[in-house]
Amino acid sequence: MARIEPLSIHEVDDEVRHLCEEAERQSGTSASTRTYARNPAVLKAMSTFRAALAREGTIDPVLRELVRLKIAALNACRY
């Protein structure tokens, strides 16, 4: 059980709902994004930061995905 429950998609502020929907489309879940949505300013800042990393990052996309999978497995998370 999560220490901080994610909001339901209907509880997410309209201003950041599209970020949750995009996370759902990309990874099949938006639970993490909906948890950050409890504070829309934080969610927007995190999204901007992640977008900059994706644009400016130097790690090969295949390696980045393998790292994500390994982290999910180590934390017993569905990915």
C-alpha atoms as a PDB file:
ATOM      1  CA  MET A   1       0.000   0.000   0.000  1.00  0.00           C
ATOM      2  CA  ALA A   2       1.318   3.424  -0.949  1.00  0.00           C
ATOM      3  CA  ARG A   3       2.118   5.888   1.825  1.00  0.00           C
ATOM      4  CA  ILE A   4       0.578   8.662  -0.272  1.00  0.00           C
ATOM      5  CA  GLU A   5      -2.339   7.539  -2.386  1.00  0.00           C
ATOM      6  CA  PRO A   6      -2.481   8.812  -5.951  1.00  0.00           C
ATOM      7  CA  LEU A   7      -5.446  10.940  -6.893  1.00  0.00           C
ATOM      8  CA  SER A   8      -8.026   9.414  -9.185  1.00  0.00           C
ATOM      9  CA  ILE A   9      -7.848  10.883 -12.670  1.00  0.00           C
ATOM     10  CA  HIS A  10     -11.097  12.733 -11.914  1.00  0.00           C
ATOM     11  CA  GLU A  11      -9.530  14.419  -8.867  1.00  0.00           C
ATOM     12  CA  VAL A  12      -6.510  15.711 -10.790  1.00  0.00           C
ATOM     13  CA  ASP A  13      -6.514  19.453 -11.451  1.00  0.00           C
ATOM     14  CA  ASP A  14      -7.575  20.271 -15.017  1.00  0.00           C
ATOM     15  CA  GLU A  15      -4.346  22.221 -15.534  1.00  0.00           C
ATOM     16  CA  VAL A  16      -2.158  19.104 -15.157  1.00  0.00           C
ATOM     17  CA  ARG A  17      -4.529  16.281 -16.129  1.00  0.00           C
ATOM     18  CA  HIS A  18      -2.938  16.075 -19.584  1.00  0.00           C
ATOM     19  CA  LEU A  19       0.394  15.200 -17.920  1.00  0.00           C
ATOM     20  CA  CYS A  20      -1.229  12.251 -16.146  1.00  0.00           C
ATOM     21  CA  GLU A  21      -2.943  11.121 -19.326  1.00  0.00           C
ATOM     22  CA  GLU A  22       0.347  11.288 -21.243  1.00  0.00           C
ATOM     23  CA  ALA A  23       2.106   9.244 -18.523  1.00  0.00           C
ATOM     24  CA  GLU A  24      -0.684   6.664 -18.758  1.00  0.00           C
ATOM     25  CA  ARG A  25      -0.313   6.521 -22.544  1.00  0.00           C
ATOM     26  CA  GLN A  26       3.478   6.099 -22.362  1.00  0.00           C
ATOM     27  CA  SER A  27       3.849   3.610 -19.535  1.00  0.00           C
ATOM     28  CA  GLY A  28       0.425   2.101 -18.886  1.00  0.00           C
ATOM     29  CA  THR A  29       0.099   3.768 -15.490  1.00  0.00           C
ATOM     30  CA  SER A  30       0.029   7.287 -14.152  1.00  0.00           C
ATOM     31  CA  ALA A  31       0.009   6.439 -10.439  1.00  0.00           C
ATOM     32  CA  SER A  32       3.298   8.232  -9.802  1.00  0.00           C
ATOM     33  CA  THR A  33       2.202  11.249 -11.825  1.00  0.00           C
ATOM     34  CA  ARG A  34      -1.187  11.310 -10.083  1.00  0.00           C
ATOM     35  CA  THR A  35       0.607  11.257  -6.723  1.00  0.00           C
ATOM     36  CA  TYR A  36       2.693  14.282  -7.725  1.00  0.00           C
ATOM     37  CA  ALA A  37      -0.548  15.877  -8.965  1.00  0.00           C
ATOM     38  CA  ARG A  38      -1.454  16.468  -5.317  1.00  0.00           C
ATOM     39  CA  ASN A  39       0.786  19.524  -5.804  1.00  0.00           C
ATOM     40  CA  PRO A  40       0.332  20.758  -9.402  1.00  0.00           C
ATOM     41  CA  ALA A  41       3.348  23.113  -9.204  1.00  0.00           C
ATOM     42  CA  VAL A  42       5.599  20.188  -8.289  1.00  0.00           C
ATOM     43  CA  LEU A  43       4.166  18.047 -11.075  1.00  0.00           C
ATOM     44  CA  LYS A  44       4.741  20.796 -13.648  1.00  0.00           C
ATOM     45  CA  ALA A  45       8.322  21.321 -12.433  1.00  0.00           C
ATOM     46  CA  MET A  46       9.051  17.578 -12.534  1.00  0.00           C
ATOM     47  CA  SER A  47       7.598  17.320 -16.041  1.00  0.00           C
ATOM     48  CA  THR A  48       9.739  20.205 -17.258  1.00  0.00           C
ATOM     49  CA  PHE A  49      12.817  18.631 -15.671  1.00  0.00           C
ATOM     50  CA  ARG A  50      12.118  15.220 -17.214  1.00  0.00           C
ATOM     51  CA  ALA A  51      11.522  16.769 -20.640  1.00  0.00           C
ATOM     52  CA  ALA A  52      14.867  18.579 -20.411  1.00  0.00           C
ATOM     53  CA  LEU A  53      16.609  15.331 -19.477  1.00  0.00           C
ATOM     54  CA  ALA A  54      14.994  13.562 -22.413  1.00  0.00           C
ATOM     55  CA  ARG A  55      16.058  16.323 -24.821  1.00  0.00           C
ATOM     56  CA  GLU A  56      19.523  17.033 -23.447  1.00  0.00           C
ATOM     57  CA  GLY A  57      20.469  13.662 -21.992  1.00  0.00           C
ATOM     58  CA  THR A  58      23.409  11.750 -23.405  1.00  0.00           C
ATOM     59  CA  ILE A  59      22.372   8.250 -22.327  1.00  0.00           C
ATOM     60  CA  ASP A  60      21.359   5.978 -25.178  1.00  0.00           C
ATOM     61  CA  PRO A  61      17.539   5.559 -25.135  1.00  0.00           C
ATOM     62  CA  VAL A  62      17.823   1.751 -25.122  1.00  0.00           C
ATOM     63  CA  LEU A  63      20.123   1.834 -22.083  1.00  0.00           C
ATOM     64  CA  ARG A  64      17.800   4.336 -20.355  1.00  0.00           C
ATOM     65  CA  GLU A  65      14.851   1.963 -20.855  1.00  0.00           C
ATOM     66  CA  LEU A  66      16.871  -0.990 -19.511  1.00  0.00           C
ATOM     67  CA  VAL A  67      17.710   1.063 -16.414  1.00  0.00           C
ATOM     68  CA  ARG A  68      14.009   1.879 -15.921  1.00  0.00           C
ATOM     69  CA  LEU A  69      13.123  -1.800 -16.166  1.00  0.00           C
ATOM     70  CA  LYS A  70      15.842  -2.791 -13.690  1.00  0.00           C
ATOM     71  CA  ILE A  71      14.757  -0.120 -11.196  1.00  0.00           C
ATOM     72  CA  ALA A  72      11.145  -1.274 -11.470  1.00  0.00           C
ATOM     73  CA  ALA A  73      12.184  -4.887 -10.907  1.00  0.00           C
ATOM     74  CA  LEU A  74      14.345  -4.010  -7.895  1.00  0.00           C
ATOM     75  CA  ASN A  75      11.424  -2.121  -6.357  1.00  0.00           C
ATOM     76  CA  ALA A  76       8.869  -4.793  -7.241  1.00  0.00           C
ATOM     77  CA  CYS A  77       6.978  -2.251  -9.335  1.00  0.00           C
ATOM     78  CA  ARG A  78       4.835  -3.023 -12.322  1.00  0.00           C
ATOM     79  CA  TYR A  79       6.243  -1.217 -15.334  1.00  0.00           C
END
